[in-house]
N, C-alpha and C. Protein backbone atom coordinates (compact mmCIF):
# COMPACT_ATOMS: atom_id res chain seq x y z
N MET A 1 129.31 128.50 160.86
CA MET A 1 129.35 129.00 159.52
C MET A 1 128.04 129.93 159.53
N SER A 2 127.66 131.15 159.00
CA SER A 2 126.48 132.15 159.45
C SER A 2 125.14 131.60 158.34
N ASP A 3 124.38 132.24 158.74
CA ASP A 3 122.81 131.84 157.95
C ASP A 3 122.39 132.46 156.47
N VAL A 4 122.52 131.77 156.18
CA VAL A 4 122.24 132.16 154.84
C VAL A 4 121.40 132.49 154.30
N LYS A 5 120.54 134.15 153.60
CA LYS A 5 119.33 134.33 153.81
C LYS A 5 118.85 134.53 151.85
N ASP A 6 117.87 134.67 151.91
CA ASP A 6 117.42 134.98 150.41
C ASP A 6 116.89 136.56 150.70
N MET A 7 116.39 136.84 149.63
CA MET A 7 116.37 138.89 149.63
C MET A 7 114.86 138.72 150.21
N ASN A 8 114.54 137.90 150.96
CA ASN A 8 113.06 137.90 151.24
C ASN A 8 113.47 137.44 153.25
N GLY A 9 114.60 136.99 153.25
CA GLY A 9 114.97 136.63 155.34
C GLY A 9 114.69 135.05 154.83
N ASN A 10 114.29 134.23 154.19
CA ASN A 10 113.83 132.96 154.09
C ASN A 10 115.53 131.88 154.54
N LEU A 11 115.67 131.35 155.26
CA LEU A 11 117.08 130.69 155.60
C LEU A 11 117.31 129.41 154.06
N LEU A 12 118.33 129.71 153.81
CA LEU A 12 118.74 128.29 152.46
C LEU A 12 119.28 127.50 152.89
N ALA A 13 118.99 126.46 152.28
CA ALA A 13 120.32 124.96 152.68
C ALA A 13 120.57 124.72 151.39
N ASN A 14 121.57 123.30 151.67
CA ASN A 14 122.40 122.87 150.38
C ASN A 14 120.84 122.32 149.79
N GLY A 15 120.97 122.08 148.35
CA GLY A 15 119.94 121.64 148.00
C GLY A 15 118.88 122.00 147.95
N ASP A 16 118.98 123.54 148.26
CA ASP A 16 117.60 123.97 147.82
C ASP A 16 117.33 124.63 146.53
N GLN A 17 115.81 125.08 146.10
CA GLN A 17 115.86 125.31 145.23
C GLN A 17 115.12 127.12 144.88
N VAL A 18 116.39 128.05 143.88
CA VAL A 18 115.71 129.16 143.87
C VAL A 18 115.55 129.74 142.77
N THR A 19 114.55 131.16 142.57
CA THR A 19 114.04 131.51 141.45
C THR A 19 115.09 133.10 141.43
N LEU A 20 115.10 133.48 140.09
CA LEU A 20 116.26 134.87 140.28
C LEU A 20 115.08 135.98 140.18
N VAL A 21 115.59 137.16 140.92
CA VAL A 21 114.46 137.90 140.53
C VAL A 21 114.91 139.24 139.95
N LYS A 22 115.64 138.62 139.19
CA LYS A 22 116.29 140.18 137.98
C LYS A 22 117.39 139.54 137.10
N ASP A 23 117.28 139.75 136.19
CA ASP A 23 118.19 139.51 134.76
C ASP A 23 119.74 139.86 135.11
N LEU A 24 120.32 138.76 134.99
CA LEU A 24 121.64 139.01 135.39
C LEU A 24 123.04 138.33 134.66
N LYS A 25 123.83 139.24 133.98
CA LYS A 25 124.76 138.77 132.74
C LYS A 25 125.65 138.12 133.50
N VAL A 26 126.10 137.10 132.66
CA VAL A 26 127.34 136.10 133.37
C VAL A 26 128.49 136.52 132.84
N LYS A 27 129.46 136.81 133.60
CA LYS A 27 130.94 137.94 132.85
C LYS A 27 131.70 136.31 132.13
N GLY A 28 132.28 137.31 131.33
CA GLY A 28 133.02 136.16 130.68
C GLY A 28 132.33 135.06 129.87
N SER A 29 130.95 135.66 129.41
CA SER A 29 130.17 134.28 128.73
C SER A 29 129.15 135.35 128.41
N SER A 30 128.18 135.17 127.17
CA SER A 30 127.68 135.83 126.22
C SER A 30 125.99 135.49 127.23
N VAL A 31 126.20 134.80 127.76
CA VAL A 31 124.66 134.14 128.47
C VAL A 31 124.10 134.98 129.31
N THR A 32 122.74 135.25 129.40
CA THR A 32 121.79 136.17 130.52
C THR A 32 120.95 135.17 130.74
N LEU A 33 121.33 135.31 132.66
CA LEU A 33 119.72 134.35 133.21
C LEU A 33 118.98 135.36 133.31
N LYS A 34 117.87 134.46 132.96
CA LYS A 34 116.79 135.96 132.81
C LYS A 34 116.22 135.98 134.28
N ARG A 35 115.09 137.02 134.92
CA ARG A 35 114.16 136.92 135.57
C ARG A 35 112.99 135.45 135.82
N GLY A 36 112.98 135.08 136.89
CA GLY A 36 111.94 133.88 136.73
C GLY A 36 112.84 132.62 136.39
N THR A 37 113.89 132.56 136.75
CA THR A 37 114.67 131.23 136.44
C THR A 37 114.63 130.59 137.41
N LEU A 38 114.67 129.12 137.03
CA LEU A 38 114.19 128.38 138.42
C LEU A 38 115.96 127.38 138.40
N ILE A 39 116.71 127.91 139.30
CA ILE A 39 118.12 127.01 139.98
C ILE A 39 117.86 126.01 141.16
N ARG A 40 118.10 125.13 140.51
CA ARG A 40 118.49 123.70 141.73
C ARG A 40 119.40 123.13 142.29
N ASN A 41 119.00 122.50 143.28
CA ASN A 41 120.22 122.11 144.02
C ASN A 41 121.50 123.14 144.24
N ILE A 42 121.17 124.09 144.67
CA ILE A 42 122.34 124.89 145.33
C ILE A 42 122.80 124.53 146.65
N ARG A 43 124.47 124.96 146.26
CA ARG A 43 125.54 124.64 146.85
C ARG A 43 125.48 125.71 147.79
N LEU A 44 126.20 126.13 149.19
CA LEU A 44 126.20 126.97 149.97
C LEU A 44 127.92 127.26 149.96
N THR A 45 128.85 128.60 150.44
CA THR A 45 129.88 128.74 150.05
C THR A 45 130.35 129.45 151.18
N GLY A 46 131.33 129.28 152.16
CA GLY A 46 131.76 129.99 153.50
C GLY A 46 131.29 131.46 153.63
N ASP A 47 130.60 132.41 151.89
CA ASP A 47 130.05 133.43 152.99
C ASP A 47 129.06 133.70 152.53
N PRO A 48 128.39 134.13 153.61
CA PRO A 48 126.76 134.05 153.71
C PRO A 48 125.75 135.21 152.71
N GLU A 49 126.61 135.79 151.86
CA GLU A 49 125.78 136.73 150.79
C GLU A 49 126.30 135.98 149.75
N THR A 50 127.01 134.71 149.30
CA THR A 50 126.41 134.36 147.76
C THR A 50 126.39 132.59 148.07
N ILE A 51 126.08 131.49 146.78
CA ILE A 51 125.85 130.86 146.28
C ILE A 51 126.79 129.91 145.70
N GLU A 52 126.80 128.59 145.40
CA GLU A 52 127.23 128.45 143.93
C GLU A 52 126.06 127.34 143.42
N CYS A 53 126.00 127.07 142.35
CA CYS A 53 125.11 126.57 141.43
C CYS A 53 125.91 126.00 139.85
N ASN A 54 124.74 125.73 139.17
CA ASN A 54 124.84 125.33 138.00
C ASN A 54 123.52 125.64 137.30
N ALA A 55 123.47 126.49 136.52
CA ALA A 55 122.04 126.96 135.88
C ALA A 55 122.62 127.25 133.84
N ASP A 56 121.49 126.56 133.52
CA ASP A 56 121.15 126.75 132.06
C ASP A 56 122.71 126.12 131.39
N LYS A 57 123.84 126.72 130.49
CA LYS A 57 124.67 126.41 130.09
C LYS A 57 125.98 126.85 130.92
N VAL A 58 126.07 127.31 131.74
CA VAL A 58 126.81 127.73 132.79
C VAL A 58 126.76 126.64 134.18
N LYS A 59 128.19 126.25 133.98
CA LYS A 59 128.38 125.19 135.56
C LYS A 59 129.45 126.07 136.68
N GLY A 60 128.77 126.05 137.91
CA GLY A 60 129.66 126.27 138.67
C GLY A 60 129.58 127.71 138.82
N ILE A 61 128.78 128.35 138.47
CA ILE A 61 128.85 129.49 138.92
C ILE A 61 128.35 130.25 140.36
N VAL A 62 128.51 131.53 140.57
CA VAL A 62 128.34 131.80 142.24
C VAL A 62 127.53 133.11 142.39
N LEU A 63 126.31 133.23 142.42
CA LEU A 63 125.80 134.27 142.71
C LEU A 63 124.91 134.47 144.00
N ARG A 64 125.16 136.23 143.93
CA ARG A 64 124.80 136.53 145.28
C ARG A 64 122.90 136.33 145.64
N THR A 65 123.25 136.69 147.09
CA THR A 65 121.64 135.80 147.37
C THR A 65 120.49 137.14 147.35
N GLU A 66 121.31 138.49 146.81
CA GLU A 66 120.49 139.55 147.00
C GLU A 66 119.54 139.49 145.75
N PHE A 67 119.94 138.35 144.96
CA PHE A 67 118.79 138.22 143.63
C PHE A 67 118.27 137.20 143.52
N LEU A 68 117.99 136.40 144.89
CA LEU A 68 117.50 135.01 144.51
C LEU A 68 116.36 135.49 145.85
N LYS A 69 115.33 134.64 145.53
CA LYS A 69 114.34 133.97 146.40
C LYS A 69 113.95 132.56 146.40
N LYS A 70 113.67 132.41 147.40
CA LYS A 70 113.52 130.97 147.65
C LYS A 70 112.25 130.52 146.90
N ALA A 71 112.44 129.25 146.08
CA ALA A 71 111.25 128.76 145.16
C ALA A 71 110.04 127.74 146.35
């Protein structure tokens, strides 16, 4: 598996905490994840540009690493 990096080039691993750097609208939901939201316990996927996580009231969401920085 390839290295998964956040927007600053820091390596991410399963269980890390990340912070959103941009407001993101969740497709299929009225929820908007706000900038600065802390997301705990991320899970890596097979794609080095995405991670899977649970955030707020949205479970099993996939986020692109270009919008994340390691907390």
